[in-house]
Amino acid sequence: MSEVSTVGIDLAKSVFQVHGSDAGGGVVFRKKLRRDQVLAFFSQLPACVVAMEACASAHYWAREIAAFGHDTRLIPPAYVKPFVKRQKNDMADAEAICEAAQRPTMRFVQGKSAEAQASAVVFRTRDLLIRQRTQLINALRGHLMEFGYIVGQGVGHVGKLVDIVGDLASDIPAEARPVLAVITDSPQVLQSQIALLDREIASRAKTDPVAKRLMTIPGVGPVIATALVPLAPAAVTFRRGRDFAAWLGLVPRQHSSGGKERLGRTTKMGERSLRRLLIIGASSATKAAARDPDNASAWLKSPRSSVPSRRADLSNTGMCVSMPLSSTSQARFSADP
């Protein structure tokens, strides 16, 4: 039997499919493994390249398998799909992963340590609580609208909603009032939990020297500064600031053909939470520059005069993302062409 050089593994909850090939791409083995058999199998396998899709639990399995001396590589699922032949099943997926890993121009996802993933939990949880709070507020606004009460959008108007529900003189039906009271209590509980997480993030920012440097950038506060390290790849991964902007999904989507350039909307690839935070931060910095132009940087003032505000915010975000790279890496990056 030929010596295996590359192994593709299709991850799952209980049943895993592995596909091994030699240096020439020939099939060495195809196996189906239970979850408790995976680590024992790779512990007996000679050191080789082990590839898997960058999906749920991929970073965990990459760390565990790498402990046996294997070279683990994570591939974005979108890059694996073109290698699937005809029918899609676990065996075909594992073979496609193995074949994609052997391509010399394939791009891989940087693996994360357990500590980096643990640091990101606070941001995932904060986003979840904010989404739940928004859902409850919108539900409460919608219910009160049916009874003729119109309240503005945003967290700042939650107090008005609570007052309307709590006002016994309002003409809200008695059957609906206790149910609406349940909804009014929930955003307040979520707000206290979000504030707790904000304090945790602020305390981390105070003790992290990288976060302190990042917070000197206009529009970057404790949340963005502490989120960049666990949510983004290492700064040395990117050659320039525009590469980081492309990873974040801030560049136009291309659909060019026949020598004619066609650019669409932003790709919105990369880390969604980090992109949203940076856009919000850039928007805040742009509005602050509009209020006080004398003390604003030139790169914050110039876009707003000639393009729509939303596009100016995206432009400033693209300029802003080059600064974190300079603050977190010894290499110099520039957002200039």
Protein backbone atom coordinates (compact mmCIF):
# COMPACT_ATOMS: atom_id res chain seq x y z
CA MET A 1 0.00 0.00 0.00
CA SER A 2 1.28 3.50 -0.87
CA GLU A 3 2.32 5.84 1.91
CA VAL A 4 -0.38 8.34 2.78
CA SER A 5 0.61 12.01 2.39
CA THR A 6 -2.74 13.82 2.70
CA VAL A 7 -5.87 12.96 4.64
CA GLY A 8 -9.21 14.71 4.24
CA ILE A 9 -11.67 14.41 7.11
CA ASP A 10 -15.34 15.32 6.91
CA LEU A 11 -16.30 16.47 10.40
CA ALA A 12 -19.60 15.64 12.06
CA LYS A 13 -21.11 15.11 15.49
CA SER A 14 -20.95 11.32 15.65
CA VAL A 15 -19.75 9.73 12.37
CA PHE A 16 -16.62 11.02 10.60
CA GLN A 17 -15.45 10.14 7.10
CA VAL A 18 -11.73 10.14 6.26
CA HIS A 19 -10.07 9.89 2.87
CA GLY A 20 -6.33 9.26 2.49
CA SER A 21 -4.28 9.76 -0.66
CA ASP A 22 -0.63 9.46 -1.62
CA ALA A 23 1.64 12.14 -3.09
CA GLY A 24 0.29 11.45 -6.59
CA GLY A 25 -3.35 11.80 -5.54
CA GLY A 26 -4.11 8.07 -5.58
CA VAL A 27 -6.57 6.67 -3.06
CA VAL A 28 -4.90 4.94 -0.10
CA PHE A 29 -7.91 4.38 2.15
CA ARG A 30 -11.49 5.41 2.80
CA LYS A 31 -12.79 4.93 6.32
CA LYS A 32 -15.80 5.76 8.42
CA LEU A 33 -14.99 6.47 12.08
CA ARG A 34 -17.07 6.95 15.18
CA ARG A 35 -16.29 9.99 17.30
CA ASP A 36 -14.38 8.00 19.93
CA GLN A 37 -12.24 6.38 17.21
CA VAL A 38 -10.91 9.55 15.55
CA LEU A 39 -8.01 10.38 17.85
CA ALA A 40 -6.95 6.74 18.18
CA PHE A 41 -6.86 6.46 14.37
CA PHE A 42 -4.68 9.54 13.86
CA SER A 43 -2.36 8.60 16.72
CA GLN A 44 -1.38 5.47 14.74
CA LEU A 45 -1.09 7.25 11.39
CA PRO A 46 2.33 8.46 10.14
CA ALA A 47 2.79 12.22 10.15
CA CYS A 48 1.02 13.76 7.16
CA VAL A 49 -1.18 16.65 6.08
CA VAL A 50 -4.68 16.45 7.61
CA ALA A 51 -7.22 18.80 6.06
CA MET A 52 -10.76 19.62 7.12
CA GLU A 53 -13.38 22.24 6.43
CA ALA A 54 -13.34 25.34 8.65
CA CYS A 55 -16.67 24.60 10.30
CA ALA A 56 -18.01 23.98 13.79
CA SER A 57 -15.48 22.19 16.05
CA ALA A 58 -12.78 22.35 13.32
CA HIS A 59 -10.33 24.32 15.47
CA TYR A 60 -10.71 21.79 18.29
CA TRP A 61 -10.03 18.81 16.05
CA ALA A 62 -7.12 20.63 14.38
CA ARG A 63 -5.47 21.15 17.76
CA GLU A 64 -6.05 17.57 18.90
CA ILE A 65 -4.81 15.99 15.67
CA ALA A 66 -1.81 18.33 15.46
CA ALA A 67 -0.70 17.03 18.87
CA PHE A 68 0.19 13.73 17.13
CA GLY A 69 2.62 15.50 14.79
CA HIS A 70 0.31 16.01 11.82
CA ASP A 71 0.17 19.19 9.74
CA THR A 72 -3.46 20.26 10.13
CA ARG A 73 -5.03 22.65 7.64
CA LEU A 74 -8.45 24.26 7.61
CA ILE A 75 -10.13 25.08 4.29
CA PRO A 76 -13.12 27.40 3.81
CA PRO A 77 -16.12 25.27 2.73
CA ALA A 78 -16.66 27.48 -0.33
CA TYR A 79 -13.23 26.44 -1.62
CA VAL A 80 -14.02 22.74 -1.17
CA LYS A 81 -17.35 22.74 -3.01
CA PRO A 82 -15.86 22.89 -6.57
CA PHE A 83 -14.01 19.62 -5.92
CA VAL A 84 -17.15 17.62 -5.05
CA LYS A 85 -17.96 15.24 -7.92
CA ARG A 86 -21.65 14.81 -8.76
CA GLN A 87 -23.53 13.52 -5.72
CA LYS A 88 -22.85 15.05 -2.32
CA ASN A 89 -22.25 12.65 0.55
CA ASP A 90 -19.75 12.18 3.36
CA MET A 91 -17.40 10.10 1.23
CA ALA A 92 -17.43 12.59 -1.63
CA ASP A 93 -16.91 15.49 0.80
CA ALA A 94 -13.88 13.85 2.41
CA GLU A 95 -12.36 13.16 -1.00
CA ALA A 96 -13.01 16.76 -2.10
CA ILE A 97 -11.33 18.09 1.05
CA CYS A 98 -8.31 15.87 0.43
CA GLU A 99 -8.05 17.00 -3.18
CA ALA A 100 -8.49 20.68 -2.34
CA ALA A 101 -5.71 20.51 0.26
CA GLN A 102 -3.28 19.30 -2.41
CA ARG A 103 -3.80 22.37 -4.63
CA PRO A 104 -0.66 24.57 -4.54
CA THR A 105 -2.68 27.80 -4.60
CA MET A 106 -5.24 26.79 -1.96
CA ARG A 107 -5.88 29.30 0.82
CA PHE A 108 -6.22 28.00 4.36
CA VAL A 109 -7.80 29.34 7.52
CA GLN A 110 -5.46 30.08 10.40
CA GLY A 111 -6.10 27.78 13.35
CA LYS A 112 -7.12 29.23 16.70
CA SER A 113 -5.92 28.27 20.13
CA ALA A 114 -8.32 27.39 22.91
CA GLU A 115 -7.41 30.67 24.63
CA ALA A 116 -8.29 32.72 21.53
CA GLN A 117 -11.64 30.97 21.21
CA ALA A 118 -12.31 31.52 24.92
CA SER A 119 -11.58 35.23 24.53
CA ALA A 120 -14.11 35.43 21.69
CA VAL A 121 -16.94 33.94 23.78
CA VAL A 122 -17.67 37.26 25.48
CA PHE A 123 -18.23 38.97 22.11
CA ARG A 124 -20.43 36.16 20.77
CA THR A 125 -22.51 36.26 23.96
CA ARG A 126 -22.78 40.05 23.85
CA ASP A 127 -24.00 39.93 20.24
CA LEU A 128 -26.56 37.27 21.16
CA LEU A 129 -27.94 39.32 24.05
CA ILE A 130 -28.14 42.47 21.90
CA ARG A 131 -30.06 40.57 19.21
CA GLN A 132 -32.47 39.21 21.81
CA ARG A 133 -32.97 42.68 23.27
CA THR A 134 -33.68 44.09 19.80
CA GLN A 135 -36.19 41.33 19.10
CA LEU A 136 -38.07 41.99 22.34
CA ILE A 137 -38.15 45.75 21.79
CA ASN A 138 -39.44 45.32 18.23
CA ALA A 139 -42.07 42.84 19.41
CA LEU A 140 -43.24 45.26 22.10
CA ARG A 141 -43.39 48.16 19.63
CA GLY A 142 -45.38 46.01 17.20
CA HIS A 143 -47.89 44.92 19.83
CA LEU A 144 -48.45 48.46 21.09
CA MET A 145 -48.86 49.71 17.54
CA GLU A 146 -51.93 47.49 17.25
CA PHE A 147 -53.46 49.49 20.12
CA GLY A 148 -52.60 52.88 18.64
CA TYR A 149 -49.35 53.64 20.47
CA ILE A 150 -46.46 54.68 18.23
CA VAL A 151 -42.97 54.91 19.73
CA GLY A 152 -39.69 55.64 17.98
CA GLN A 153 -37.10 53.00 17.23
CA GLY A 154 -34.01 52.43 19.33
CA VAL A 155 -33.06 51.46 22.85
CA GLY A 156 -33.51 55.04 24.00
CA HIS A 157 -37.29 54.77 23.62
CA VAL A 158 -37.70 51.61 25.70
CA GLY A 159 -38.68 53.69 28.73
CA LYS A 160 -41.68 55.06 26.84
CA LEU A 161 -42.82 51.54 26.03
CA VAL A 162 -42.51 50.48 29.67
CA ASP A 163 -44.46 53.55 30.82
CA ILE A 164 -47.30 52.84 28.39
CA VAL A 165 -47.63 49.23 29.54
CA GLY A 166 -47.44 50.21 33.21
CA ASP A 167 -49.96 53.06 32.90
CA LEU A 168 -53.26 51.70 34.14
CA ALA A 169 -55.05 54.63 32.53
CA SER A 170 -53.99 53.52 29.04
CA ASP A 171 -56.60 51.73 26.94
CA ILE A 172 -54.55 48.54 26.55
CA PRO A 173 -56.91 45.55 26.97
CA ALA A 174 -56.66 43.80 30.32
CA GLU A 175 -55.93 40.48 28.62
CA ALA A 176 -52.81 41.87 26.95
CA ARG A 177 -51.36 43.93 29.81
CA PRO A 178 -49.83 41.07 31.92
CA VAL A 179 -48.36 39.49 28.80
CA LEU A 180 -46.81 42.77 27.67
CA ALA A 181 -45.43 43.23 31.19
CA VAL A 182 -43.42 40.04 30.72
CA ILE A 183 -41.88 41.51 27.57
CA THR A 184 -41.09 44.84 29.26
CA ASP A 185 -39.20 43.09 32.08
CA SER A 186 -37.01 41.04 29.72
CA PRO A 187 -35.12 43.91 27.98
CA GLN A 188 -34.17 45.34 31.37
CA VAL A 189 -32.72 42.00 32.46
CA LEU A 190 -30.83 41.70 29.18
CA GLN A 191 -29.55 45.28 29.52
CA SER A 192 -28.04 44.48 32.93
CA GLN A 193 -26.36 41.38 31.48
CA ILE A 194 -25.00 43.38 28.53
CA ALA A 195 -23.65 45.99 30.95
CA LEU A 196 -21.91 43.21 32.89
CA LEU A 197 -20.20 41.99 29.72
CA ASP A 198 -19.25 45.57 28.80
CA ARG A 199 -17.50 45.93 32.15
CA GLU A 200 -15.65 42.68 31.54
CA ILE A 201 -14.53 43.89 28.11
CA ALA A 202 -13.44 47.25 29.54
CA SER A 203 -11.37 45.57 32.23
CA ARG A 204 -9.63 43.43 29.60
CA ALA A 205 -8.87 46.52 27.51
CA LYS A 206 -7.22 48.23 30.47
CA THR A 207 -4.78 45.37 31.02
CA ASP A 208 -3.98 44.62 27.35
CA PRO A 209 -1.17 46.80 25.91
CA VAL A 210 -2.27 46.07 22.32
CA ALA A 211 -5.83 47.17 23.12
CA LYS A 212 -4.50 50.39 24.63
CA ARG A 213 -2.66 51.22 21.38
CA LEU A 214 -5.69 50.35 19.30
CA MET A 215 -7.93 52.66 21.31
CA THR A 216 -5.85 55.63 20.14
CA ILE A 217 -7.43 55.16 16.67
CA PRO A 218 -10.49 57.36 16.04
CA GLY A 219 -13.68 55.33 16.43
CA VAL A 220 -12.01 52.39 18.20
CA GLY A 221 -13.14 51.77 21.76
CA PRO A 222 -12.68 48.93 24.26
CA VAL A 223 -15.08 46.56 22.44
CA ILE A 224 -13.37 46.84 19.03
CA ALA A 225 -9.87 46.91 20.51
CA THR A 226 -10.34 43.71 22.49
CA ALA A 227 -12.30 42.02 19.69
CA LEU A 228 -9.59 42.42 17.04
CA VAL A 229 -7.14 40.00 18.63
CA PRO A 230 -9.43 36.94 19.10
CA LEU A 231 -11.66 37.49 16.05
CA ALA A 232 -9.11 38.46 13.39
CA PRO A 233 -6.08 36.54 12.11
CA ALA A 234 -2.61 37.64 13.09
CA ALA A 235 -1.54 40.93 11.53
CA VAL A 236 1.40 39.27 9.78
CA THR A 237 -1.13 37.35 7.68
CA PHE A 238 -1.84 40.47 5.63
CA ARG A 239 0.66 42.33 3.47
CA ARG A 240 -1.21 45.63 3.60
CA GLY A 241 -4.30 47.26 5.07
CA ARG A 242 -6.37 46.64 1.95
CA ASP A 243 -5.83 42.91 2.31
CA PHE A 244 -7.38 43.16 5.78
CA ALA A 245 -10.28 45.17 4.31
CA ALA A 246 -10.82 42.44 1.71
CA TRP A 247 -10.81 39.78 4.43
CA LEU A 248 -13.44 41.79 6.32
CA GLY A 249 -15.64 41.96 3.22
CA LEU A 250 -15.40 45.72 2.67
CA VAL A 251 -14.34 45.52 -0.98
CA PRO A 252 -16.75 45.33 -3.97
CA ARG A 253 -17.78 41.94 -5.31
CA GLN A 254 -16.38 41.33 -8.78
CA HIS A 255 -18.32 39.83 -11.67
CA SER A 256 -15.97 40.82 -14.50
CA SER A 257 -15.68 39.11 -17.86
CA GLY A 258 -14.37 39.81 -21.35
CA GLY A 259 -12.06 42.53 -20.13
CA LYS A 260 -14.99 44.54 -18.76
CA GLU A 261 -14.89 45.29 -15.07
CA ARG A 262 -18.14 44.85 -13.18
CA LEU A 263 -18.14 45.70 -9.49
CA GLY A 264 -21.12 45.13 -7.23
CA ARG A 265 -21.81 45.65 -3.56
CA THR A 266 -19.40 44.76 -0.79
CA THR A 267 -18.68 41.06 -0.48
CA LYS A 268 -19.50 40.91 3.27
CA MET A 269 -17.06 38.04 3.68
CA GLY A 270 -14.89 37.42 6.71
CA GLU A 271 -15.83 37.97 10.33
CA ARG A 272 -19.31 39.51 10.40
CA SER A 273 -19.22 40.68 14.02
CA LEU A 274 -15.88 42.43 13.64
CA ARG A 275 -16.95 44.08 10.38
CA ARG A 276 -20.10 45.44 12.00
CA LEU A 277 -18.16 46.81 14.96
CA LEU A 278 -15.62 48.55 12.73
CA ILE A 279 -18.34 50.08 10.55
CA ILE A 280 -20.14 51.39 13.65
CA GLY A 281 -16.87 52.79 14.98
CA ALA A 282 -16.01 54.46 11.66
CA SER A 283 -19.53 55.90 11.44
CA SER A 284 -19.19 57.35 14.93
CA ALA A 285 -15.79 58.85 14.09
CA THR A 286 -17.17 60.34 10.87
CA LYS A 287 -20.10 61.97 12.68
CA ALA A 288 -17.74 63.35 15.32
CA ALA A 289 -15.57 64.80 12.56
CA ALA A 290 -18.61 66.46 11.01
CA ARG A 291 -19.53 68.07 14.33
CA ASP A 292 -16.00 69.30 15.04
CA PRO A 293 -14.09 69.47 11.73
CA ASP A 294 -11.29 71.63 13.13
CA ASN A 295 -10.02 68.84 15.40
CA ALA A 296 -10.70 65.96 12.97
CA SER A 297 -8.11 64.16 10.87
CA ALA A 298 -8.00 64.96 7.18
CA TRP A 299 -8.82 61.37 6.19
CA LEU A 300 -12.02 61.56 8.25
CA LYS A 301 -13.21 64.82 6.69
CA SER A 302 -12.46 64.32 3.01
CA PRO A 303 -14.88 61.51 1.95
CA ARG A 304 -18.07 63.02 3.38
CA SER A 305 -18.04 66.09 1.16
CA SER A 306 -18.26 64.21 -2.14
CA VAL A 307 -20.06 60.88 -1.54
CA PRO A 308 -23.18 59.68 0.33
CA SER A 309 -22.79 59.30 4.08
CA ARG A 310 -23.08 55.50 4.09
CA ARG A 311 -20.42 55.15 1.44
CA ALA A 312 -18.23 57.60 3.35
CA ASP A 313 -18.58 55.43 6.47
CA LEU A 314 -17.45 52.37 4.50
CA SER A 315 -14.58 54.35 3.01
CA ASN A 316 -13.47 55.47 6.45
CA THR A 317 -13.79 51.90 7.70
CA GLY A 318 -11.45 50.75 4.92
CA MET A 319 -8.95 53.43 5.93
CA CYS A 320 -9.36 52.61 9.60
CA VAL A 321 -8.64 48.89 9.26
CA SER A 322 -5.06 49.58 8.16
CA MET A 323 -4.33 51.23 11.50
CA PRO A 324 -4.93 48.14 13.69
CA LEU A 325 -2.40 46.26 11.57
CA SER A 326 0.23 48.89 12.25
CA SER A 327 -0.59 48.77 15.96
CA THR A 328 -0.49 44.99 16.30
CA SER A 329 2.43 44.11 14.04
CA GLN A 330 6.01 45.22 13.64
CA ALA A 331 5.49 45.42 9.88
CA ARG A 332 4.25 48.66 8.33
CA PHE A 333 0.97 48.64 6.41
CA SER A 334 -0.68 51.33 4.38
CA ALA A 335 -4.18 51.86 3.01
CA ASP A 336 -2.83 53.98 0.16
CA PRO A 337 -2.97 52.59 -3.42
